[in-house]
PDB file of N, CA and C in Angstrom:
ATOM      1  N   UNK A   1       5.162  19.597   4.651  1.00  0.00           N
ATOM      2  CA  UNK A   1       5.316  17.001   4.835  1.00  0.00           C
ATOM      3  C   UNK A   1       5.880  16.886   3.776  1.00  0.00           C
ATOM      4  N   UNK A   2       6.341  16.315   2.944  1.00  0.00           N
ATOM      5  CA  UNK A   2       6.224  15.237   1.701  1.00  0.00           C
ATOM      6  C   UNK A   2       5.507  14.156   1.844  1.00  0.00           C
ATOM      7  N   UNK A   3       4.435  13.942   0.776  1.00  0.00           N
ATOM      8  CA  UNK A   3       4.132  12.304   0.439  1.00  0.00           C
ATOM      9  C   UNK A   3       4.400  10.889   1.871  1.00  0.00           C
ATOM     10  N   UNK A   4       5.945  11.213   0.961  1.00  0.00           N
ATOM     11  CA  UNK A   4       7.251  10.168   1.682  1.00  0.00           C
ATOM     12  C   UNK A   4       7.214  10.118   3.273  1.00  0.00           C
ATOM     13  N   UNK A   5       7.445  11.481   3.782  1.00  0.00           N
ATOM     14  CA  UNK A   5       7.590  11.809   4.841  1.00  0.00           C
ATOM     15  C   UNK A   5       5.943  11.323   6.171  1.00  0.00           C
ATOM     16  N   UNK A   6       5.159  11.690   5.032  1.00  0.00           N
ATOM     17  CA  UNK A   6       3.678  10.978   5.615  1.00  0.00           C
ATOM     18  C   UNK A   6       3.654   9.618   5.906  1.00  0.00           C
ATOM     19  N   UNK A   7       3.625   8.815   4.801  1.00  0.00           N
ATOM     20  CA  UNK A   7       3.690   7.461   4.558  1.00  0.00           C
ATOM     21  C   UNK A   7       4.542   6.807   5.493  1.00  0.00           C
ATOM     22  N   UNK A   8       6.136   7.219   5.737  1.00  0.00           N
ATOM     23  CA  UNK A   8       6.852   6.409   6.643  1.00  0.00           C
ATOM     24  C   UNK A   8       6.121   6.686   7.912  1.00  0.00           C
ATOM     25  N   UNK A   9       5.466   8.057   8.862  1.00  0.00           N
ATOM     26  CA  UNK A   9       5.300   8.117   9.467  1.00  0.00           C
ATOM     27  C   UNK A   9       3.773   7.070  10.029  1.00  0.00           C
ATOM     28  N   UNK A  10       3.104   7.143   8.522  1.00  0.00           N
ATOM     29  CA  UNK A  10       1.549   6.631   9.290  1.00  0.00           C
ATOM     30  C   UNK A  10       1.691   5.188   9.096  1.00  0.00           C
ATOM     31  N   UNK A  11       3.038   4.796   8.157  1.00  0.00           N
ATOM     32  CA  UNK A  11       2.826   3.217   8.340  1.00  0.00           C
ATOM     33  C   UNK A  11       3.422   2.647   9.869  1.00  0.00           C
ATOM     34  N   UNK A  12       4.161   3.168  10.639  1.00  0.00           N
ATOM     35  CA  UNK A  12       4.114   2.647  11.765  1.00  0.00           C
ATOM     36  C   UNK A  12       3.277   2.358  12.427  1.00  0.00           C
ATOM     37  N   UNK A  13       2.203   2.976  12.610  1.00  0.00           N
ATOM     38  CA  UNK A  13       0.930   2.941  13.175  1.00  0.00           C
ATOM     39  C   UNK A  13       0.157   0.839  12.850  1.00  0.00           C
ATOM     40  N   UNK A  14      -0.174   0.780  13.065  1.00  0.00           N
ATOM     41  CA  UNK A  14      -0.909  -1.143  12.914  1.00  0.00           C
ATOM     42  C   UNK A  14      -1.778  -1.268  12.037  1.00  0.00           C
ATOM     43  N   UNK A  15      -1.884  -2.314  11.265  1.00  0.00           N
ATOM     44  CA  UNK A  15      -2.512  -2.314   9.579  1.00  0.00           C
ATOM     45  C   UNK A  15      -4.066  -2.536   9.817  1.00  0.00           C
ATOM     46  N   UNK A  16      -4.619  -2.200   8.899  1.00  0.00           N
ATOM     47  CA  UNK A  16      -6.033  -2.530   9.026  1.00  0.00           C
ATOM     48  C   UNK A  16      -6.209  -3.615   8.696  1.00  0.00           C
ATOM     49  N   UNK A  17      -5.244  -4.158   8.193  1.00  0.00           N
ATOM     50  CA  UNK A  17      -5.047  -6.050   7.697  1.00  0.00           C
ATOM     51  C   UNK A  17      -4.019  -6.534   6.810  1.00  0.00           C
ATOM     52  N   UNK A  18      -3.968  -7.828   7.019  1.00  0.00           N
ATOM     53  CA  UNK A  18      -2.839  -8.531   6.168  1.00  0.00           C
ATOM     54  C   UNK A  18      -2.888  -9.576   4.904  1.00  0.00           C
ATOM     55  N   UNK A  19      -2.496  -9.592   4.020  1.00  0.00           N
ATOM     56  CA  UNK A  19      -2.533 -10.600   2.905  1.00  0.00           C
ATOM     57  C   UNK A  19      -1.140 -10.864   2.524  1.00  0.00           C
ATOM     58  N   UNK A  20      -1.729 -11.925   1.518  1.00  0.00           N
ATOM     59  CA  UNK A  20      -0.018 -12.892   1.514  1.00  0.00           C
ATOM     60  C   UNK A  20       1.067 -11.921   0.890  1.00  0.00           C
ATOM     61  N   UNK A  21       0.829 -10.741   0.426  1.00  0.00           N
ATOM     62  CA  UNK A  21       1.924 -10.067  -0.224  1.00  0.00           C
ATOM     63  C   UNK A  21       1.907  -8.233   0.522  1.00  0.00           C
ATOM     64  N   UNK A  22       1.061  -8.275   1.567  1.00  0.00           N
ATOM     65  CA  UNK A  22       0.686  -6.619   1.673  1.00  0.00           C
ATOM     66  C   UNK A  22      -0.022  -6.658   3.037  1.00  0.00           C
ATOM     67  N   UNK A  23       0.651  -5.279   2.858  1.00  0.00           N
ATOM     68  CA  UNK A  23       0.120  -4.943   4.659  1.00  0.00           C
ATOM     69  C   UNK A  23      -0.115  -4.003   4.354  1.00  0.00           C
ATOM     70  N   UNK A  24      -1.616  -3.758   5.284  1.00  0.00           N
ATOM     71  CA  UNK A  24      -2.373  -2.638   4.800  1.00  0.00           C
ATOM     72  C   UNK A  24      -2.809  -1.434   5.822  1.00  0.00           C
ATOM     73  N   UNK A  25      -2.882  -0.034   5.052  1.00  0.00           N
ATOM     74  CA  UNK A  25      -2.938   0.739   5.974  1.00  0.00           C
ATOM     75  C   UNK A  25      -3.553   2.235   5.778  1.00  0.00           C
ATOM     76  N   UNK A  26      -4.342   2.767   6.174  1.00  0.00           N
ATOM     77  CA  UNK A  26      -5.231   3.607   6.187  1.00  0.00           C
ATOM     78  C   UNK A  26      -4.352   4.555   6.548  1.00  0.00           C
ATOM     79  N   UNK A  27      -4.065   5.468   5.502  1.00  0.00           N
ATOM     80  CA  UNK A  27      -3.279   6.376   6.157  1.00  0.00           C
ATOM     81  C   UNK A  27      -4.273   8.089   5.219  1.00  0.00           C
ATOM     82  N   UNK A  28      -3.217   9.109   5.499  1.00  0.00           N
ATOM     83  CA  UNK A  28      -4.435  10.512   5.414  1.00  0.00           C
ATOM     84  C   UNK A  28      -3.729  10.640   4.149  1.00  0.00           C
ATOM     85  N   UNK A  29      -3.684   9.965   3.229  1.00  0.00           N
ATOM     86  CA  UNK A  29      -2.701   9.972   1.964  1.00  0.00           C
ATOM     87  C   UNK A  29      -3.756   9.077   0.902  1.00  0.00           C
ATOM     88  N   UNK A  30      -3.706   7.968   1.557  1.00  0.00           N
ATOM     89  CA  UNK A  30      -5.032   7.000   1.020  1.00  0.00           C
ATOM     90  C   UNK A  30      -5.064   5.539   1.944  1.00  0.00           C
ATOM     91  N   UNK A  31      -5.239   4.614   0.832  1.00  0.00           N
ATOM     92  CA  UNK A  31      -4.934   3.071   1.557  1.00  0.00           C
ATOM     93  C   UNK A  31      -3.904   3.286   1.059  1.00  0.00           C
ATOM     94  N   UNK A  32      -2.559   2.312   2.039  1.00  0.00           N
ATOM     95  CA  UNK A  32      -1.540   1.937   1.449  1.00  0.00           C
ATOM     96  C   UNK A  32      -1.274   0.956   1.582  1.00  0.00           C
ATOM     97  N   UNK A  33      -0.794   0.295   0.649  1.00  0.00           N
ATOM     98  CA  UNK A  33      -0.083  -1.469   0.646  1.00  0.00           C
ATOM     99  C   UNK A  33       1.087  -1.322   0.754  1.00  0.00           C
ATOM    100  N   UNK A  34       1.660  -1.491   1.326  1.00  0.00           N
ATOM    101  CA  UNK A  34       3.252  -1.934   1.536  1.00  0.00           C
ATOM    102  C   UNK A  34       3.432  -3.508   1.354  1.00  0.00           C
ATOM    103  N   UNK A  35       4.222  -3.547   0.512  1.00  0.00           N
ATOM    104  CA  UNK A  35       4.521  -5.262  -0.153  1.00  0.00           C
ATOM    105  C   UNK A  35       5.796  -5.410   1.046  1.00  0.00           C
ATOM    106  N   UNK A  36       5.292  -6.632   1.557  1.00  0.00           N
ATOM    107  CA  UNK A  36       5.827  -7.823   2.397  1.00  0.00           C
ATOM    108  C   UNK A  36       6.240  -8.817   1.981  1.00  0.00           C
ATOM    109  N   UNK A  37       6.247  -9.096   0.448  1.00  0.00           N
ATOM    110  CA  UNK A  37       6.730 -10.329   0.421  1.00  0.00           C
ATOM    111  C   UNK A  37       8.335 -10.273  -0.238  1.00  0.00           C
ATOM    112  N   UNK A  38       8.909  -9.956   0.604  1.00  0.00           N
ATOM    113  CA  UNK A  38      10.443 -10.065   0.124  1.00  0.00           C
ATOM    114  C   UNK A  38      10.689  -9.202  -1.038  1.00  0.00           C
ATOM    115  N   UNK A  39      11.855  -9.654  -2.081  1.00  0.00           N
ATOM    116  CA  UNK A  39      12.555  -8.161  -3.338  1.00  0.00           C
ATOM    117  C   UNK A  39      10.682  -7.555  -4.039  1.00  0.00           C
ATOM    118  N   UNK A  40      10.746  -6.632  -3.850  1.00  0.00           N
ATOM    119  CA  UNK A  40       9.466  -6.048  -4.412  1.00  0.00           C
ATOM    120  C   UNK A  40       9.736  -5.855  -5.693  1.00  0.00           C
ATOM    121  N   UNK A  41       8.707  -6.747  -7.261  1.00  0.00           N
ATOM    122  CA  UNK A  41       8.612  -6.833  -8.581  1.00  0.00           C
ATOM    123  C   UNK A  41       8.727  -5.713  -9.269  1.00  0.00           C
ATOM    124  N   UNK A  42       8.746  -5.499 -10.409  1.00  0.00           N
ATOM    125  CA  UNK A  42       9.227  -4.129 -10.906  1.00  0.00           C
ATOM    126  C   UNK A  42       8.480  -4.704 -12.222  1.00  0.00           C
ATOM    127  N   UNK A  43       7.681  -4.494 -12.886  1.00  0.00           N
ATOM    128  CA  UNK A  43       6.722  -2.866 -12.204  1.00  0.00           C
ATOM    129  C   UNK A  43       5.808  -2.779 -11.304  1.00  0.00           C
ATOM    130  N   UNK A  44       5.807  -1.949 -10.385  1.00  0.00           N
ATOM    131  CA  UNK A  44       4.979  -1.920  -9.145  1.00  0.00           C
ATOM    132  C   UNK A  44       3.472  -3.193  -9.358  1.00  0.00           C
ATOM    133  N   UNK A  45       3.439  -4.004  -8.523  1.00  0.00           N
ATOM    134  CA  UNK A  45       2.684  -5.024  -8.930  1.00  0.00           C
ATOM    135  C   UNK A  45       0.638  -4.818  -8.287  1.00  0.00           C
ATOM    136  N   UNK A  46       0.520  -3.398  -8.706  1.00  0.00           N
ATOM    137  CA  UNK A  46      -0.695  -3.010  -9.055  1.00  0.00           C
ATOM    138  C   UNK A  46      -1.847  -4.452  -8.984  1.00  0.00           C
ATOM    139  N   UNK A  47      -2.095  -5.250  -9.859  1.00  0.00           N
ATOM    140  CA  UNK A  47      -2.377  -6.336  -9.704  1.00  0.00           C
ATOM    141  C   UNK A  47      -3.128  -7.195  -9.056  1.00  0.00           C
ATOM    142  N   UNK A  48      -1.835  -7.454  -7.906  1.00  0.00           N
ATOM    143  CA  UNK A  48      -1.579  -8.636  -6.866  1.00  0.00           C
ATOM    144  C   UNK A  48      -2.341  -7.523  -6.697  1.00  0.00           C
ATOM    145  N   UNK A  49      -1.962  -6.171  -6.180  1.00  0.00           N
ATOM    146  CA  UNK A  49      -2.552  -5.340  -4.671  1.00  0.00           C
ATOM    147  C   UNK A  49      -4.594  -5.056  -5.046  1.00  0.00           C
ATOM    148  N   UNK A  50      -4.806  -5.214  -6.161  1.00  0.00           N
ATOM    149  CA  UNK A  50      -6.337  -4.890  -6.411  1.00  0.00           C
ATOM    150  C   UNK A  50      -6.462  -6.542  -5.669  1.00  0.00           C
ATOM    151  N   UNK A  51      -6.358  -7.698  -6.581  1.00  0.00           N
ATOM    152  CA  UNK A  51      -7.115  -8.699  -5.955  1.00  0.00           C
ATOM    153  C   UNK A  51      -6.830  -9.025  -4.304  1.00  0.00           C
ATOM    154  N   UNK A  52      -5.443  -8.936  -3.417  1.00  0.00           N
ATOM    155  CA  UNK A  52      -5.649  -9.087  -2.019  1.00  0.00           C
ATOM    156  C   UNK A  52      -6.127  -8.210  -1.913  1.00  0.00           C
ATOM    157  N   UNK A  53      -6.771  -6.816  -1.886  1.00  0.00           N
ATOM    158  CA  UNK A  53      -6.615  -5.616  -1.311  1.00  0.00           C
ATOM    159  C   UNK A  53      -8.625  -6.439  -0.870  1.00  0.00           C
ATOM    160  N   UNK A  54      -9.257  -7.206  -2.265  1.00  0.00           N
ATOM    161  CA  UNK A  54     -10.714  -7.881  -1.878  1.00  0.00           C
ATOM    162  C   UNK A  54     -10.860  -8.652  -0.883  1.00  0.00           C
ATOM    163  N   UNK A  55      -9.156  -9.374  -0.012  1.00  0.00           N
ATOM    164  CA  UNK A  55      -9.706 -10.461   0.885  1.00  0.00           C
ATOM    165  C   UNK A  55      -9.850  -9.169   2.124  1.00  0.00           C
ATOM    166  N   UNK A  56      -9.501  -8.079   1.781  1.00  0.00           N
ATOM    167  CA  UNK A  56      -9.950  -7.360   3.193  1.00  0.00           C
ATOM    168  C   UNK A  56     -10.282  -6.331   3.691  1.00  0.00           C
ATOM    169  N   UNK A  57     -11.473  -6.135   2.389  1.00  0.00           N
ATOM    170  CA  UNK A  57     -12.641  -5.702   2.052  1.00  0.00           C
ATOM    171  C   UNK A  57     -12.878  -4.635   1.577  1.00  0.00           C
ATOM    172  N   UNK A  58     -11.387  -4.319   0.321  1.00  0.00           N
ATOM    173  CA  UNK A  58     -11.378  -3.214  -0.053  1.00  0.00           C
ATOM    174  C   UNK A  58     -11.458  -3.579  -1.214  1.00  0.00           C
ATOM    175  N   UNK A  59     -12.081  -2.982  -2.414  1.00  0.00           N
ATOM    176  CA  UNK A  59     -12.690  -3.097  -4.053  1.00  0.00           C
ATOM    177  C   UNK A  59     -11.882  -1.171  -3.997  1.00  0.00           C
ATOM    178  N   UNK A  60     -10.565  -1.505  -4.563  1.00  0.00           N
ATOM    179  CA  UNK A  60      -9.328  -0.453  -5.161  1.00  0.00           C
ATOM    180  C   UNK A  60      -9.632  -0.044  -6.377  1.00  0.00           C
ATOM    181  N   UNK A  61     -10.563  -0.961  -7.382  1.00  0.00           N
ATOM    182  CA  UNK A  61     -10.008  -0.774  -8.963  1.00  0.00           C
ATOM    183  C   UNK A  61     -10.418   0.440  -9.348  1.00  0.00           C
ATOM    184  N   UNK A  62     -11.201   1.151  -8.746  1.00  0.00           N
ATOM    185  CA  UNK A  62     -11.770   2.575  -9.405  1.00  0.00           C
ATOM    186  C   UNK A  62     -11.088   3.725  -8.815  1.00  0.00           C
ATOM    187  N   UNK A  63     -10.260   3.133  -7.857  1.00  0.00           N
ATOM    188  CA  UNK A  63      -9.013   4.590  -7.011  1.00  0.00           C
ATOM    189  C   UNK A  63      -7.956   4.649  -8.287  1.00  0.00           C
ATOM    190  N   UNK A  64      -7.501   6.257  -7.758  1.00  0.00           N
ATOM    191  CA  UNK A  64      -5.988   6.445  -8.250  1.00  0.00           C
ATOM    192  C   UNK A  64      -5.222   5.741  -7.840  1.00  0.00           C
ATOM    193  N   UNK A  65      -4.277   5.297  -8.869  1.00  0.00           N
ATOM    194  CA  UNK A  65      -2.687   4.353  -8.008  1.00  0.00           C
ATOM    195  C   UNK A  65      -1.700   5.384  -8.329  1.00  0.00           C
ATOM    196  N   UNK A  66      -0.773   5.433  -7.307  1.00  0.00           N
ATOM    197  CA  UNK A  66       0.480   6.036  -7.615  1.00  0.00           C
ATOM    198  C   UNK A  66       1.343   4.803  -6.412  1.00  0.00           C
ATOM    199  N   UNK A  67       3.288   4.694  -6.673  1.00  0.00           N
ATOM    200  CA  UNK A  67       3.771   4.143  -6.241  1.00  0.00           C
ATOM    201  C   UNK A  67       4.869   4.736  -4.860  1.00  0.00           C
ATOM    202  N   UNK A  68       5.383   4.889  -4.184  1.00  0.00           N
ATOM    203  CA  UNK A  68       6.522   5.487  -3.285  1.00  0.00           C
ATOM    204  C   UNK A  68       7.403   4.373  -3.010  1.00  0.00           C
ATOM    205  N   UNK A  69       9.062   4.644  -3.315  1.00  0.00           N
ATOM    206  CA  UNK A  69       9.656   3.852  -2.046  1.00  0.00           C
ATOM    207  C   UNK A  69      10.110   4.146  -1.078  1.00  0.00           C
ATOM    208  N   UNK A  70       9.774   3.896   0.518  1.00  0.00           N
ATOM    209  CA  UNK A  70       9.802   4.756   1.401  1.00  0.00           C
ATOM    210  C   UNK A  70      10.742   3.395   2.507  1.00  0.00           C
ATOM    211  N   UNK A  71      11.462   3.707   4.009  1.00  0.00           N
ATOM    212  CA  UNK A  71      12.619   3.094   4.652  1.00  0.00           C
ATOM    213  C   UNK A  71      11.837   1.890   4.771  1.00  0.00           C
ATOM    214  N   UNK A  72      10.680   1.331   4.488  1.00  0.00           N
ATOM    215  CA  UNK A  72      10.002   0.056   5.171  1.00  0.00           C
ATOM    216  C   UNK A  72       9.769  -0.542   3.439  1.00  0.00           C
ATOM    217  N   UNK A  73      10.136   0.078   2.556  1.00  0.00           N
ATOM    218  CA  UNK A  73      10.214  -0.429   1.443  1.00  0.00           C
ATOM    219  C   UNK A  73       9.180  -0.030   0.344  1.00  0.00           C
ATOM    220  N   UNK A  74       8.582  -0.839  -0.566  1.00  0.00           N
ATOM    221  CA  UNK A  74       7.729   0.115  -1.754  1.00  0.00           C
ATOM    222  C   UNK A  74       6.247   0.198  -1.024  1.00  0.00           C
ATOM    223  N   UNK A  75       5.619   0.675  -1.562  1.00  0.00           N
ATOM    224  CA  UNK A  75       4.209   1.368  -0.871  1.00  0.00           C
ATOM    225  C   UNK A  75       3.750   1.634  -1.872  1.00  0.00           C
ATOM    226  N   UNK A  76       2.275   1.190  -2.034  1.00  0.00           N
ATOM    227  CA  UNK A  76       1.618   1.048  -3.674  1.00  0.00           C
ATOM    228  C   UNK A  76      -0.099   2.024  -2.535  1.00  0.00           C
ATOM    229  N   UNK A  77      -0.076   3.441  -2.933  1.00  0.00           N
ATOM    230  CA  UNK A  77      -1.429   4.321  -2.595  1.00  0.00           C
ATOM    231  C   UNK A  77      -2.535   4.128  -3.529  1.00  0.00           C
ATOM    232  N   UNK A  78      -3.617   3.717  -3.028  1.00  0.00           N
ATOM    233  CA  UNK A  78      -4.539   4.005  -3.888  1.00  0.00           C
ATOM    234  C   UNK A  78      -5.849   5.337  -3.313  1.00  0.00           C
ATOM    235  N   UNK A  79      -6.110   6.153  -3.987  1.00  0.00           N
ATOM    236  CA  UNK A  79      -6.799   7.669  -3.371  1.00  0.00           C
ATOM    237  C   UNK A  79      -7.810   8.029  -4.488  1.00  0.00           C
ATOM    238  N   UNK A  80      -9.098   8.910  -4.133  1.00  0.00           N
ATOM    239  CA  UNK A  80      -9.827   9.132  -4.920  1.00  0.00           C
ATOM    240  C   UNK A  80      -9.451  10.733  -5.676  1.00  0.00           C
TER     241      UNK A  80
END
């Protein structure tokens, strides 16, 4: 199964927290931050995610990062 398909499926589960711009999810590929604040900015808002992640107890500053566009919207994924 492709990462995009995994994310789409796993984003249906309840979030582990929400912040001003993101809904946070623990997935099998890493921590996923689903953009929820309207039209997603370009480039992907990693700096916003790092700041808001701290609000839900997640220090993502040392994690690898990538982004995916899924049916639910823009998802930033943080993983080791």
